[in-house]
Amino acid sequence: MRLSEKKIDYLCGKIFQEMAKSKVCVLTRAQGPVVEAMKKVILDDLKIEDDLDEEVHRILEEHQEEIRARGADYHTMFKKTKSLLARERKLVL
């Protein structure tokens, strides 16, 4: 499930509020900059995954004939290829 930017903004705000209430951490910055930094990290991570998805689609398209000839399921091949590339690149998805 993909999250909209609005939903990410909302969740980051909620996380900030919970962190502010907790006695585990001390926040030394205002909510705005912290939430923006959190959003940037999440959006950057989602961009990396989107780029990986595009690369997997290109790879599978290049091998489309072989995939069909072997009767392989595209969705299964997509998941396996994505998992392999993520592991090689030490990405956590």
N, C-alpha and C. Protein backbone atom coordinates (compact mmCIF):
# COMPACT_ATOMS: atom_id res chain seq x y z
N MET A 1 0.84 -1.18 0.00
CA MET A 1 0.00 0.00 0.00
C MET A 1 0.88 1.24 0.00
N ARG A 2 0.64 2.11 -0.92
CA ARG A 2 1.36 3.36 -1.00
C ARG A 2 0.64 4.41 -0.18
N LEU A 3 1.42 5.25 0.48
CA LEU A 3 0.86 6.33 1.27
C LEU A 3 0.95 7.63 0.50
N SER A 4 -0.10 8.43 0.59
CA SER A 4 -0.07 9.75 -0.05
C SER A 4 0.82 10.67 0.79
N GLU A 5 1.26 11.74 0.18
CA GLU A 5 2.11 12.69 0.89
C GLU A 5 1.35 13.30 2.06
N LYS A 6 0.06 13.49 1.88
CA LYS A 6 -0.79 14.04 2.95
C LYS A 6 -0.83 13.07 4.14
N LYS A 7 -0.96 11.79 3.86
CA LYS A 7 -1.00 10.78 4.92
C LYS A 7 0.35 10.69 5.63
N ILE A 8 1.43 10.77 4.87
CA ILE A 8 2.77 10.75 5.46
C ILE A 8 2.95 11.96 6.38
N ASP A 9 2.48 13.13 5.94
CA ASP A 9 2.55 14.34 6.76
C ASP A 9 1.79 14.14 8.07
N TYR A 10 0.60 13.57 7.97
CA TYR A 10 -0.22 13.32 9.16
C TYR A 10 0.48 12.35 10.11
N LEU A 11 1.00 11.24 9.57
CA LEU A 11 1.67 10.25 10.41
C LEU A 11 2.92 10.82 11.08
N CYS A 12 3.68 11.62 10.36
CA CYS A 12 4.88 12.23 10.95
C CYS A 12 4.50 13.17 12.08
N GLY A 13 3.41 13.91 11.91
CA GLY A 13 2.92 14.79 12.97
C GLY A 13 2.52 14.00 14.21
N LYS A 14 1.83 12.88 13.99
CA LYS A 14 1.43 12.02 15.11
C LYS A 14 2.66 11.42 15.81
N ILE A 15 3.64 10.99 15.04
CA ILE A 15 4.86 10.44 15.63
C ILE A 15 5.55 11.51 16.47
N PHE A 16 5.63 12.73 15.94
CA PHE A 16 6.25 13.81 16.70
C PHE A 16 5.52 14.03 18.02
N GLN A 17 4.19 14.07 17.96
CA GLN A 17 3.40 14.29 19.18
C GLN A 17 3.65 13.19 20.21
N GLU A 18 3.72 11.95 19.76
CA GLU A 18 3.98 10.84 20.68
C GLU A 18 5.39 10.93 21.26
N MET A 19 6.34 11.32 20.43
CA MET A 19 7.71 11.48 20.92
C MET A 19 7.77 12.60 21.96
N ALA A 20 7.05 13.69 21.72
CA ALA A 20 7.04 14.82 22.64
C ALA A 20 6.42 14.43 23.98
N LYS A 21 5.42 13.55 23.95
CA LYS A 21 4.78 13.11 25.18
C LYS A 21 5.62 12.09 25.95
N SER A 22 6.45 11.37 25.24
CA SER A 22 7.22 10.30 25.89
C SER A 22 8.33 10.88 26.75
N LYS A 23 8.76 10.10 27.69
CA LYS A 23 9.87 10.51 28.54
C LYS A 23 11.17 9.87 28.07
N VAL A 24 11.12 9.22 26.93
CA VAL A 24 12.28 8.50 26.40
C VAL A 24 13.23 9.45 25.66
N CYS A 25 12.68 10.47 25.01
CA CYS A 25 13.55 11.38 24.26
C CYS A 25 13.20 12.83 24.59
N VAL A 26 14.17 13.68 24.37
CA VAL A 26 13.99 15.11 24.60
C VAL A 26 14.12 15.79 23.24
N LEU A 27 13.09 16.50 22.85
CA LEU A 27 13.10 17.19 21.56
C LEU A 27 13.58 18.62 21.77
N THR A 28 14.55 19.01 20.97
CA THR A 28 15.12 20.35 21.10
C THR A 28 14.76 21.25 19.92
N ARG A 29 13.92 20.77 19.04
CA ARG A 29 13.50 21.53 17.86
C ARG A 29 11.98 21.64 17.84
N ALA A 30 11.49 22.62 17.11
CA ALA A 30 10.05 22.80 16.94
C ALA A 30 9.49 21.69 16.06
N GLN A 31 8.20 21.50 16.13
CA GLN A 31 7.56 20.42 15.39
C GLN A 31 7.76 20.53 13.88
N GLY A 32 7.64 21.71 13.32
CA GLY A 32 7.72 21.89 11.87
C GLY A 32 8.97 21.30 11.23
N PRO A 33 10.16 21.74 11.67
CA PRO A 33 11.38 21.21 11.05
C PRO A 33 11.57 19.71 11.27
N VAL A 34 11.17 19.22 12.43
CA VAL A 34 11.31 17.78 12.71
C VAL A 34 10.41 16.97 11.80
N VAL A 35 9.16 17.40 11.68
CA VAL A 35 8.20 16.69 10.81
C VAL A 35 8.68 16.73 9.36
N GLU A 36 9.19 17.87 8.92
CA GLU A 36 9.70 17.96 7.54
C GLU A 36 10.87 17.02 7.31
N ALA A 37 11.77 16.91 8.29
CA ALA A 37 12.90 16.00 8.17
C ALA A 37 12.42 14.55 8.13
N MET A 38 11.44 14.22 8.95
CA MET A 38 10.87 12.86 8.94
C MET A 38 10.23 12.55 7.59
N LYS A 39 9.46 13.52 7.07
CA LYS A 39 8.83 13.32 5.76
C LYS A 39 9.86 13.10 4.67
N LYS A 40 10.95 13.87 4.71
CA LYS A 40 11.99 13.74 3.70
C LYS A 40 12.59 12.33 3.72
N VAL A 41 12.86 11.83 4.90
CA VAL A 41 13.44 10.48 5.02
C VAL A 41 12.48 9.44 4.44
N ILE A 42 11.22 9.55 4.78
CA ILE A 42 10.23 8.57 4.30
C ILE A 42 10.06 8.68 2.79
N LEU A 43 9.93 9.90 2.28
CA LEU A 43 9.74 10.08 0.83
C LEU A 43 10.98 9.64 0.04
N ASP A 44 12.16 9.91 0.58
CA ASP A 44 13.39 9.45 -0.08
C ASP A 44 13.42 7.92 -0.15
N ASP A 45 13.01 7.28 0.94
CA ASP A 45 12.99 5.82 0.98
C ASP A 45 11.98 5.27 -0.02
N LEU A 46 10.81 5.89 -0.10
CA LEU A 46 9.81 5.44 -1.07
C LEU A 46 10.29 5.66 -2.50
N LYS A 47 11.04 6.73 -2.74
CA LYS A 47 11.59 7.00 -4.07
C LYS A 47 12.58 5.91 -4.46
N ILE A 48 13.41 5.48 -3.51
CA ILE A 48 14.36 4.39 -3.78
C ILE A 48 13.60 3.13 -4.18
N GLU A 49 12.53 2.84 -3.47
CA GLU A 49 11.75 1.64 -3.80
C GLU A 49 11.07 1.79 -5.16
N ASP A 50 10.55 2.97 -5.47
CA ASP A 50 9.94 3.20 -6.78
C ASP A 50 10.96 3.01 -7.90
N ASP A 51 12.16 3.53 -7.70
CA ASP A 51 13.21 3.37 -8.69
C ASP A 51 13.57 1.90 -8.88
N LEU A 52 13.62 1.15 -7.78
CA LEU A 52 13.90 -0.28 -7.85
C LEU A 52 12.80 -1.00 -8.62
N ASP A 53 11.54 -0.64 -8.36
CA ASP A 53 10.41 -1.24 -9.08
C ASP A 53 10.53 -1.01 -10.58
N GLU A 54 10.89 0.22 -10.96
CA GLU A 54 11.05 0.54 -12.38
C GLU A 54 12.16 -0.30 -13.01
N GLU A 55 13.26 -0.46 -12.28
CA GLU A 55 14.37 -1.25 -12.79
C GLU A 55 13.96 -2.71 -12.96
N VAL A 56 13.22 -3.24 -12.01
CA VAL A 56 12.76 -4.63 -12.10
C VAL A 56 11.83 -4.80 -13.30
N HIS A 57 10.93 -3.84 -13.52
CA HIS A 57 10.04 -3.90 -14.69
C HIS A 57 10.86 -3.92 -15.99
N ARG A 58 11.91 -3.07 -16.06
CA ARG A 58 12.75 -3.05 -17.26
C ARG A 58 13.45 -4.39 -17.46
N ILE A 59 13.99 -4.94 -16.39
CA ILE A 59 14.69 -6.23 -16.48
C ILE A 59 13.75 -7.31 -16.96
N LEU A 60 12.57 -7.37 -16.38
CA LEU A 60 11.61 -8.41 -16.76
C LEU A 60 11.11 -8.21 -18.18
N GLU A 61 10.98 -6.98 -18.60
CA GLU A 61 10.56 -6.72 -19.96
C GLU A 61 11.62 -7.21 -20.96
N GLU A 62 12.90 -7.04 -20.61
CA GLU A 62 13.98 -7.52 -21.47
C GLU A 62 13.95 -9.05 -21.60
N HIS A 63 13.47 -9.73 -20.57
CA HIS A 63 13.44 -11.20 -20.56
C HIS A 63 12.03 -11.75 -20.70
N GLN A 64 11.15 -10.94 -21.26
CA GLN A 64 9.73 -11.29 -21.38
C GLN A 64 9.51 -12.60 -22.15
N GLU A 65 10.22 -12.78 -23.24
CA GLU A 65 10.04 -14.00 -24.05
C GLU A 65 10.44 -15.25 -23.26
N GLU A 66 11.56 -15.16 -22.57
CA GLU A 66 12.03 -16.30 -21.78
C GLU A 66 11.05 -16.61 -20.65
N ILE A 67 10.52 -15.58 -20.03
CA ILE A 67 9.55 -15.77 -18.94
C ILE A 67 8.30 -16.48 -19.47
N ARG A 68 7.82 -16.04 -20.61
CA ARG A 68 6.64 -16.68 -21.22
C ARG A 68 6.94 -18.12 -21.62
N ALA A 69 8.11 -18.33 -22.22
CA ALA A 69 8.47 -19.67 -22.69
C ALA A 69 8.53 -20.66 -21.53
N ARG A 70 8.96 -20.20 -20.39
CA ARG A 70 9.06 -21.08 -19.22
C ARG A 70 7.76 -21.15 -18.43
N GLY A 71 6.80 -20.35 -18.82
CA GLY A 71 5.51 -20.36 -18.14
C GLY A 71 5.57 -19.77 -16.73
N ALA A 72 6.52 -18.89 -16.51
CA ALA A 72 6.67 -18.29 -15.18
C ALA A 72 5.62 -17.20 -14.97
N ASP A 73 5.26 -17.02 -13.73
CA ASP A 73 4.30 -15.99 -13.35
C ASP A 73 5.02 -14.65 -13.20
N TYR A 74 4.54 -13.63 -13.88
CA TYR A 74 5.20 -12.32 -13.87
C TYR A 74 5.29 -11.77 -12.45
N HIS A 75 4.20 -11.86 -11.70
CA HIS A 75 4.16 -11.31 -10.35
C HIS A 75 5.20 -12.00 -9.45
N THR A 76 5.30 -13.31 -9.57
CA THR A 76 6.28 -14.06 -8.79
C THR A 76 7.69 -13.67 -9.18
N MET A 77 7.94 -13.57 -10.48
CA MET A 77 9.26 -13.16 -10.97
C MET A 77 9.60 -11.74 -10.50
N PHE A 78 8.59 -10.87 -10.49
CA PHE A 78 8.80 -9.49 -10.04
C PHE A 78 9.26 -9.49 -8.58
N LYS A 79 8.53 -10.22 -7.72
CA LYS A 79 8.87 -10.25 -6.30
C LYS A 79 10.26 -10.84 -6.08
N LYS A 80 10.58 -11.92 -6.79
CA LYS A 80 11.89 -12.56 -6.61
C LYS A 80 13.02 -11.65 -7.09
N THR A 81 12.83 -11.01 -8.24
CA THR A 81 13.86 -10.12 -8.78
C THR A 81 14.06 -8.91 -7.88
N LYS A 82 12.97 -8.34 -7.43
CA LYS A 82 13.05 -7.18 -6.54
C LYS A 82 13.76 -7.56 -5.23
N SER A 83 13.42 -8.70 -4.69
CA SER A 83 14.04 -9.17 -3.45
C SER A 83 15.55 -9.39 -3.65
N LEU A 84 15.91 -9.98 -4.77
CA LEU A 84 17.32 -10.24 -5.07
C LEU A 84 18.10 -8.92 -5.19
N LEU A 85 17.57 -7.98 -5.95
CA LEU A 85 18.25 -6.70 -6.12
C LEU A 85 18.35 -5.94 -4.79
N ALA A 86 17.29 -5.99 -4.00
CA ALA A 86 17.30 -5.30 -2.71
C ALA A 86 18.37 -5.90 -1.80
N ARG A 87 18.46 -7.21 -1.81
CA ARG A 87 19.48 -7.89 -1.00
C ARG A 87 20.88 -7.51 -1.46
N GLU A 88 21.11 -7.52 -2.77
CA GLU A 88 22.42 -7.15 -3.32
C GLU A 88 22.82 -5.74 -2.95
N ARG A 89 21.84 -4.85 -2.89
CA ARG A 89 22.10 -3.44 -2.61
C ARG A 89 21.95 -3.09 -1.13
N LYS A 90 21.68 -4.13 -0.34
CA LYS A 90 21.50 -3.96 1.10
C LYS A 90 20.40 -2.96 1.44
N LEU A 91 19.28 -3.09 0.69
CA LEU A 91 18.12 -2.25 0.94
C LEU A 91 17.15 -3.01 1.83
N VAL A 92 16.52 -2.30 2.74
CA VAL A 92 15.48 -2.89 3.56
C VAL A 92 14.15 -2.35 3.04
N LEU A 93 13.29 -3.26 2.58
CA LEU A 93 12.01 -2.85 2.03
C LEU A 93 10.88 -3.13 2.99
